[in-house]
Amino acid sequence: MTHPILADLRSDTVTRPTAAMRQAIARAEVGDDVLGDDPTVQRLEAEAAALLGKEAALFTPSGTMANQLAVGVSCRPGEAALLEAGAHIRNYEAGAAALIWGVSLRPVVGERGMLPPDAARAALSPAPDDHVAPVSLLCAEDTANRGGGTVWPLAWLDGIGQVASDAGIAAHLDGARFFNGVVASGQAPDRRAAPFRTVSICLSKGLGAPVGSLLVGPRDLLRHARRLRKALGGGMRQVGILAAGGLHALHHHIDRLADDHARASALAAGLRDAGFGAPPPDSNMVFPRVTDAPAVQRALEAAGVLCYAVGPDELRLVTHLDVDDAGVASTIAAFAALPDSARPG
């Protein structure tokens, strides 16, 4: 018999609006954002830009669209973007860079999902070569999802920005979990965003809003991005209803990410005690080792704990505002109840 859901650790995208966020959404003042007169969207964009130390911001339906707008304003057809091999832009955006913009992606294997600046510099062609698509964009992802929720060292963020500057190309930061990196590092948002011309931030992951991301950067570039957003069907009308959730998240849900990180650390420690290798997490993602990840995923689901297999012997568990201490305890108990055959040797 399947248990009721005790903890949904599939992703921090499964968060539901809090009661206070729902009230903010219900009270939202709205206009027509395609016509540029939705006041709640305007406040959200202005606050996000100021928080990251940029001139402007653009509200988008998704992080994928925000990232692709960054590609679209930075590259021409036939050019390339350089990024770490595990990057979201390369692996989880449906080939959009090629499909929409005619831009190829040049992957470089880095370290735990992060691209060392020296490796990025070495991967850039030292001289024009008619055989190779010229790189016009250098991308980073912080925190790095496929790397294990890793938090980039500030020196590496600065280094990526410097490599791009030296090469005369743009730098973009996929900040789907940007504020997890901010909270984990203790460094200010504008400082971690400073090396990049554009940054995308997601409101519907750890920050807990129901929908939406933002692209931040120079005002003239964001004006171009706004036109491309319209071409992609991303122009929305009375979208202040959604932007109000994002504003509430920026005001109330950044500092509390520390709770998710603490629970991830407690979860990883408990799983290690139960015989499952789980490295101490940088942020809110835990990756325990098991013998047969798909089978263990199914067994945990039957016990009321939801997660994903991300390899033949590895699961991903993501803490978020809907996972409390009881959920962590239930998850550890569900793992402890698995048969010994589930534990790696």
Protein backbone atom coordinates (compact mmCIF):
# COMPACT_ATOMS: atom_id res chain seq x y z
CA MET A 1 0.00 0.00 0.00
CA THR A 2 1.36 3.42 -0.98
CA HIS A 3 1.79 5.87 1.87
CA PRO A 4 0.68 9.49 1.78
CA ILE A 5 3.43 11.84 0.69
CA LEU A 6 5.71 12.52 3.65
CA ALA A 7 8.36 14.53 1.77
CA ASP A 8 8.49 15.67 -1.85
CA LEU A 9 12.19 16.04 -2.60
CA ARG A 10 12.00 15.78 -6.39
CA SER A 11 12.92 19.45 -6.87
CA ASP A 12 12.56 22.89 -5.33
CA THR A 13 10.19 23.62 -8.22
CA VAL A 14 7.42 21.74 -6.38
CA THR A 15 7.03 24.47 -3.76
CA ARG A 16 3.55 25.89 -3.25
CA PRO A 17 2.78 29.53 -2.47
CA THR A 18 2.63 30.27 1.23
CA ALA A 19 -0.51 31.80 2.72
CA ALA A 20 1.20 35.19 2.90
CA MET A 21 2.26 34.92 -0.74
CA ARG A 22 -1.28 34.02 -1.78
CA GLN A 23 -2.53 37.15 0.00
CA ALA A 24 0.04 39.27 -1.83
CA ILE A 25 -1.05 37.74 -5.13
CA ALA A 26 -4.72 38.41 -4.35
CA ARG A 27 -3.98 42.07 -3.61
CA ALA A 28 -1.78 42.61 -6.68
CA GLU A 29 -2.25 45.82 -8.63
CA VAL A 30 -2.16 44.97 -12.32
CA GLY A 31 -1.99 46.55 -15.75
CA ASP A 32 -1.03 45.33 -19.22
CA ASP A 33 2.63 44.40 -19.18
CA VAL A 34 2.87 44.09 -22.98
CA LEU A 35 1.88 47.76 -23.07
CA GLY A 36 4.37 48.43 -20.29
CA ASP A 37 1.96 49.57 -17.61
CA ASP A 38 1.71 46.76 -15.06
CA PRO A 39 2.90 48.47 -11.86
CA THR A 40 3.64 45.26 -9.95
CA VAL A 41 5.84 43.94 -12.74
CA GLN A 42 7.61 47.29 -12.85
CA ARG A 43 8.33 47.10 -9.11
CA LEU A 44 9.57 43.53 -9.37
CA GLU A 45 11.90 44.35 -12.26
CA ALA A 46 13.24 47.49 -10.58
CA GLU A 47 13.90 45.75 -7.26
CA ALA A 48 15.57 42.75 -8.88
CA ALA A 49 17.83 44.97 -10.98
CA ALA A 50 18.84 47.02 -7.95
CA LEU A 51 19.45 43.92 -5.85
CA LEU A 52 21.88 42.55 -8.44
CA GLY A 53 23.47 45.91 -9.21
CA LYS A 54 22.24 46.02 -12.81
CA GLU A 55 20.40 48.69 -14.77
CA ALA A 56 17.25 46.79 -15.70
CA ALA A 57 15.36 43.51 -15.48
CA LEU A 58 12.78 41.67 -17.56
CA PHE A 59 10.13 39.31 -16.15
CA THR A 60 9.80 36.04 -18.09
CA PRO A 61 7.57 32.98 -17.72
CA SER A 62 10.50 30.61 -17.15
CA GLY A 63 14.20 30.31 -16.50
CA THR A 64 14.65 28.64 -19.87
CA MET A 65 13.24 31.71 -21.61
CA ALA A 66 15.41 34.05 -19.52
CA ASN A 67 18.53 32.05 -20.45
CA GLN A 68 17.57 31.88 -24.10
CA LEU A 69 16.97 35.61 -24.24
CA ALA A 70 20.52 36.04 -22.94
CA VAL A 71 21.75 33.82 -25.76
CA GLY A 72 19.62 35.69 -28.28
CA VAL A 73 20.91 39.14 -27.37
CA SER A 74 24.54 37.98 -27.18
CA CYS A 75 25.00 35.73 -30.22
CA ARG A 76 24.31 35.78 -33.94
CA PRO A 77 23.42 32.70 -36.01
CA GLY A 78 26.51 30.60 -36.63
CA GLU A 79 28.22 31.67 -33.41
CA ALA A 80 28.74 29.60 -30.27
CA ALA A 81 28.40 29.78 -26.51
CA LEU A 82 31.03 28.17 -24.28
CA LEU A 83 29.81 26.50 -21.08
CA GLU A 84 30.41 23.62 -18.68
CA ALA A 85 29.27 20.27 -20.07
CA GLY A 86 26.60 19.76 -17.40
CA ALA A 87 25.03 23.20 -17.80
CA HIS A 88 21.25 23.55 -17.82
CA ILE A 89 21.39 25.60 -21.04
CA ARG A 90 22.98 22.63 -22.79
CA ASN A 91 21.14 19.70 -21.16
CA TYR A 92 17.65 20.84 -20.21
CA GLU A 93 16.49 23.54 -22.62
CA ALA A 94 15.39 21.33 -25.53
CA GLY A 95 18.19 22.41 -27.85
CA ALA A 96 16.72 25.90 -27.89
CA ALA A 97 19.97 27.72 -28.66
CA ALA A 98 20.26 25.85 -31.98
CA LEU A 99 16.52 25.66 -32.64
CA ILE A 100 15.76 29.34 -32.07
CA TRP A 101 18.96 31.28 -32.60
CA GLY A 102 21.16 29.05 -34.77
CA VAL A 103 23.77 29.10 -31.98
CA SER A 104 25.91 26.07 -31.16
CA LEU A 105 27.01 25.15 -27.66
CA ARG A 106 30.63 24.26 -26.97
CA PRO A 107 30.87 22.15 -23.79
CA VAL A 108 33.92 21.91 -21.57
CA VAL A 109 34.13 19.32 -18.79
CA GLY A 110 34.77 21.21 -15.57
CA GLU A 111 34.80 20.41 -11.88
CA ARG A 112 31.55 19.55 -10.06
CA GLY A 113 29.55 21.44 -12.68
CA MET A 114 31.76 24.52 -12.49
CA LEU A 115 34.08 25.76 -15.22
CA PRO A 116 37.55 26.74 -14.02
CA PRO A 117 38.53 30.07 -15.61
CA ASP A 118 41.80 28.61 -16.90
CA ALA A 119 39.86 25.85 -18.67
CA ALA A 120 37.52 28.41 -20.20
CA ARG A 121 40.46 30.48 -21.41
CA ALA A 122 42.15 27.43 -22.92
CA ALA A 123 38.95 26.42 -24.73
CA LEU A 124 38.62 29.74 -26.54
CA SER A 125 40.25 29.72 -29.96
CA PRO A 126 43.44 31.77 -29.72
CA ALA A 127 43.00 33.10 -33.26
CA PRO A 128 40.20 33.26 -35.85
CA ASP A 129 39.63 29.87 -37.48
CA ASP A 130 37.22 29.49 -40.37
CA HIS A 131 36.63 25.87 -39.36
CA VAL A 132 35.27 26.74 -35.91
CA ALA A 133 32.16 28.63 -34.84
CA PRO A 134 33.37 31.81 -33.10
CA VAL A 135 32.45 31.99 -29.41
CA SER A 136 30.51 35.12 -28.53
CA LEU A 137 29.16 34.11 -25.11
CA LEU A 138 30.67 32.49 -22.00
CA CYS A 139 28.17 31.00 -19.53
CA ALA A 140 28.29 29.86 -15.91
CA GLU A 141 25.60 28.26 -13.72
CA ASP A 142 25.47 29.06 -9.99
CA THR A 143 24.59 26.98 -8.14
CA ALA A 144 25.55 24.12 -10.48
CA ASN A 145 22.67 21.65 -10.55
CA ARG A 146 24.37 18.64 -12.17
CA GLY A 147 27.50 19.34 -10.16
CA GLY A 148 25.57 18.68 -6.94
CA GLY A 149 24.18 22.13 -6.12
CA THR A 150 27.74 23.42 -5.93
CA VAL A 151 28.42 27.04 -5.00
CA TRP A 152 30.99 28.74 -7.22
CA PRO A 153 33.98 30.33 -5.48
CA LEU A 154 33.83 34.08 -5.99
CA ALA A 155 37.31 33.99 -7.50
CA TRP A 156 36.02 31.64 -10.23
CA LEU A 157 33.04 33.88 -10.98
CA ASP A 158 35.41 36.83 -11.26
CA GLY A 159 37.73 34.73 -13.40
CA ILE A 160 34.99 33.79 -15.86
CA GLY A 161 34.05 37.45 -16.19
CA GLN A 162 37.68 38.37 -16.79
CA VAL A 163 38.15 35.65 -19.42
CA ALA A 164 35.09 36.94 -21.27
CA SER A 165 36.27 40.53 -21.02
CA ASP A 166 39.74 39.65 -22.28
CA ALA A 167 38.20 37.80 -25.23
CA GLY A 168 35.81 40.65 -26.02
CA ILE A 169 32.71 38.48 -25.55
CA ALA A 170 29.70 38.55 -23.25
CA ALA A 171 29.36 36.63 -19.98
CA HIS A 172 26.04 35.26 -18.74
CA LEU A 173 25.22 33.68 -15.38
CA ASP A 174 22.41 31.14 -15.24
CA GLY A 175 21.31 31.94 -11.71
CA ALA A 176 18.36 29.58 -11.44
CA ARG A 177 19.48 29.06 -7.84
CA PHE A 178 21.50 32.26 -7.60
CA PHE A 179 20.26 33.13 -4.12
CA ASN A 180 21.22 29.71 -2.77
CA GLY A 181 24.76 30.67 -3.75
CA VAL A 182 24.37 34.08 -2.16
CA VAL A 183 23.16 32.67 1.15
CA ALA A 184 25.65 29.81 1.23
CA SER A 185 28.61 32.09 0.45
CA GLY A 186 27.52 35.02 2.61
CA GLN A 187 28.39 37.34 -0.27
CA ALA A 188 26.12 40.12 -1.52
CA PRO A 189 23.98 39.52 -4.62
CA ASP A 190 25.43 42.46 -6.51
CA ARG A 191 28.96 41.26 -5.81
CA ARG A 192 28.35 37.74 -7.14
CA ALA A 193 26.49 39.14 -10.17
CA ALA A 194 29.12 41.80 -10.94
CA PRO A 195 31.33 39.76 -13.33
CA PHE A 196 28.44 39.07 -15.73
CA ARG A 197 26.73 41.25 -18.30
CA THR A 198 23.47 39.34 -17.86
CA VAL A 199 22.12 37.15 -15.06
CA SER A 200 18.95 35.06 -14.95
CA ILE A 201 17.30 34.41 -11.60
CA CYS A 202 14.46 31.98 -10.95
CA LEU A 203 11.61 32.88 -8.61
CA SER A 204 9.85 29.50 -8.69
CA LYS A 205 12.55 27.27 -7.20
CA GLY A 206 13.94 27.93 -3.72
CA LEU A 207 12.25 31.32 -3.52
CA GLY A 208 8.88 29.58 -3.72
CA ALA A 209 6.93 31.73 -6.19
CA PRO A 210 4.53 29.81 -8.44
CA VAL A 211 5.85 31.06 -11.80
CA GLY A 212 8.54 33.23 -13.28
CA SER A 213 12.16 34.23 -13.74
CA LEU A 214 14.00 37.45 -14.46
CA LEU A 215 16.79 38.42 -16.82
CA VAL A 216 18.84 41.35 -15.49
CA GLY A 217 21.47 43.40 -17.26
CA PRO A 218 22.11 46.64 -19.17
CA ARG A 219 19.03 48.68 -20.06
CA ASP A 220 19.65 48.76 -23.82
CA LEU A 221 20.24 45.02 -23.93
CA LEU A 222 17.10 44.33 -21.93
CA ARG A 223 15.10 46.47 -24.36
CA HIS A 224 16.28 44.12 -27.12
CA ALA A 225 15.45 41.13 -24.92
CA ARG A 226 11.93 42.47 -24.41
CA ARG A 227 11.36 42.42 -28.16
CA LEU A 228 12.70 38.86 -28.40
CA ARG A 229 10.47 37.84 -25.49
CA LYS A 230 7.49 39.05 -27.51
CA ALA A 231 8.66 37.07 -30.54
CA LEU A 232 8.86 33.92 -28.40
CA GLY A 233 5.32 34.42 -27.09
CA GLY A 234 6.50 35.50 -23.65
CA GLY A 235 4.64 38.81 -23.53
CA MET A 236 1.99 38.51 -20.82
CA ARG A 237 -0.87 40.84 -19.95
CA GLN A 238 -2.10 41.26 -16.34
CA VAL A 239 0.94 39.36 -15.13
CA GLY A 240 1.29 41.46 -12.00
CA ILE A 241 -0.67 38.65 -10.35
CA LEU A 242 2.40 36.45 -10.83
CA ALA A 243 4.91 39.22 -10.27
CA ALA A 244 3.39 39.84 -6.82
CA GLY A 245 4.44 36.33 -5.82
CA GLY A 246 7.94 37.10 -7.03
CA LEU A 247 8.07 40.34 -5.07
CA HIS A 248 6.95 38.55 -1.93
CA ALA A 249 9.66 35.95 -2.52
CA LEU A 250 12.39 38.57 -2.86
CA HIS A 251 11.20 40.29 0.31
CA HIS A 252 10.68 37.22 2.51
CA HIS A 253 12.24 34.05 1.10
CA ILE A 254 15.92 34.77 0.48
CA ASP A 255 17.33 34.56 4.00
CA ARG A 256 15.23 31.48 4.78
CA LEU A 257 17.20 29.51 2.15
CA ALA A 258 19.65 28.92 5.00
CA ASP A 259 17.00 26.62 6.52
CA ASP A 260 16.96 24.52 3.35
CA HIS A 261 20.74 24.27 3.41
CA ALA A 262 20.76 23.23 7.07
CA ARG A 263 18.12 20.57 6.41
CA ALA A 264 20.07 19.28 3.42
CA SER A 265 23.14 18.93 5.65
CA ALA A 266 21.13 17.11 8.30
CA LEU A 267 19.59 14.85 5.65
CA ALA A 268 22.98 13.97 4.16
CA ALA A 269 24.38 13.16 7.62
CA GLY A 270 21.40 10.95 8.41
CA LEU A 271 21.72 9.09 5.13
CA ARG A 272 25.41 8.47 5.75
CA ASP A 273 24.54 7.07 9.16
CA ALA A 274 22.01 4.79 7.46
CA GLY A 275 24.70 3.41 5.15
CA PHE A 276 24.19 5.52 2.05
CA GLY A 277 27.08 7.61 0.77
CA ALA A 278 25.91 11.21 0.61
CA PRO A 279 28.56 13.94 0.34
CA PRO A 280 28.01 17.01 2.53
CA PRO A 281 26.03 19.44 0.35
CA ASP A 282 27.04 22.97 -0.66
CA SER A 283 23.42 24.12 -0.72
CA ASN A 284 20.05 22.36 -0.91
CA MET A 285 20.82 19.22 -2.93
CA VAL A 286 21.74 15.80 -1.57
CA PHE A 287 23.02 12.98 -3.80
CA PRO A 288 23.04 9.63 -1.99
CA ARG A 289 24.58 6.51 -3.54
CA VAL A 290 22.45 3.37 -3.82
CA THR A 291 22.79 0.07 -5.68
CA ASP A 292 19.86 0.46 -8.11
CA ALA A 293 18.62 4.03 -8.22
CA PRO A 294 15.40 3.49 -10.24
CA ALA A 295 14.35 0.62 -7.97
CA VAL A 296 15.15 2.59 -4.81
CA GLN A 297 13.25 5.57 -6.18
CA ARG A 298 10.16 3.37 -6.58
CA ALA A 299 10.57 1.88 -3.09
CA LEU A 300 10.87 5.32 -1.52
CA GLU A 301 7.83 6.56 -3.44
CA ALA A 302 5.81 3.65 -2.04
CA ALA A 303 6.96 4.79 1.42
CA GLY A 304 5.83 8.38 0.78
CA VAL A 305 9.19 9.96 -0.09
CA LEU A 306 9.52 11.38 -3.61
CA CYS A 307 12.88 11.90 -5.30
CA TYR A 308 14.57 11.29 -8.63
CA ALA A 309 17.16 8.83 -9.87
CA VAL A 310 19.83 10.83 -11.70
CA GLY A 311 22.05 7.88 -12.59
CA PRO A 312 22.15 4.11 -12.21
CA ASP A 313 23.39 4.36 -8.62
CA GLU A 314 22.59 7.92 -7.58
CA LEU A 315 19.49 9.79 -6.37
CA ARG A 316 18.89 13.53 -6.08
CA LEU A 317 17.00 14.94 -3.10
CA VAL A 318 16.26 18.68 -2.97
CA THR A 319 15.19 20.51 0.18
CA HIS A 320 12.89 23.53 -0.02
CA LEU A 321 10.36 25.54 1.95
CA ASP A 322 7.77 22.73 1.87
CA VAL A 323 10.19 20.26 3.51
CA ASP A 324 10.34 20.69 7.27
CA ASP A 325 12.30 18.86 9.97
CA ALA A 326 9.64 16.15 10.11
CA GLY A 327 10.04 15.59 6.37
CA VAL A 328 13.78 15.19 6.79
CA ALA A 329 13.28 12.69 9.62
CA SER A 330 10.72 10.74 7.58
CA THR A 331 13.12 10.60 4.64
CA ILE A 332 15.97 9.28 6.76
CA ALA A 333 13.63 6.69 8.27
CA ALA A 334 12.47 5.59 4.81
CA PHE A 335 16.06 5.09 3.69
CA ALA A 336 16.93 3.24 6.90
CA ALA A 337 14.04 0.85 6.26
CA LEU A 338 15.36 -0.13 2.82
CA PRO A 339 16.86 -3.63 2.55
CA ASP A 340 20.61 -4.02 2.87
CA SER A 341 20.77 -4.80 -0.85
CA ALA A 342 19.95 -1.15 -1.56
CA ARG A 343 23.11 0.03 0.17
CA PRO A 344 26.27 0.37 -1.87
CA GLY A 345 29.04 -2.02 -0.96
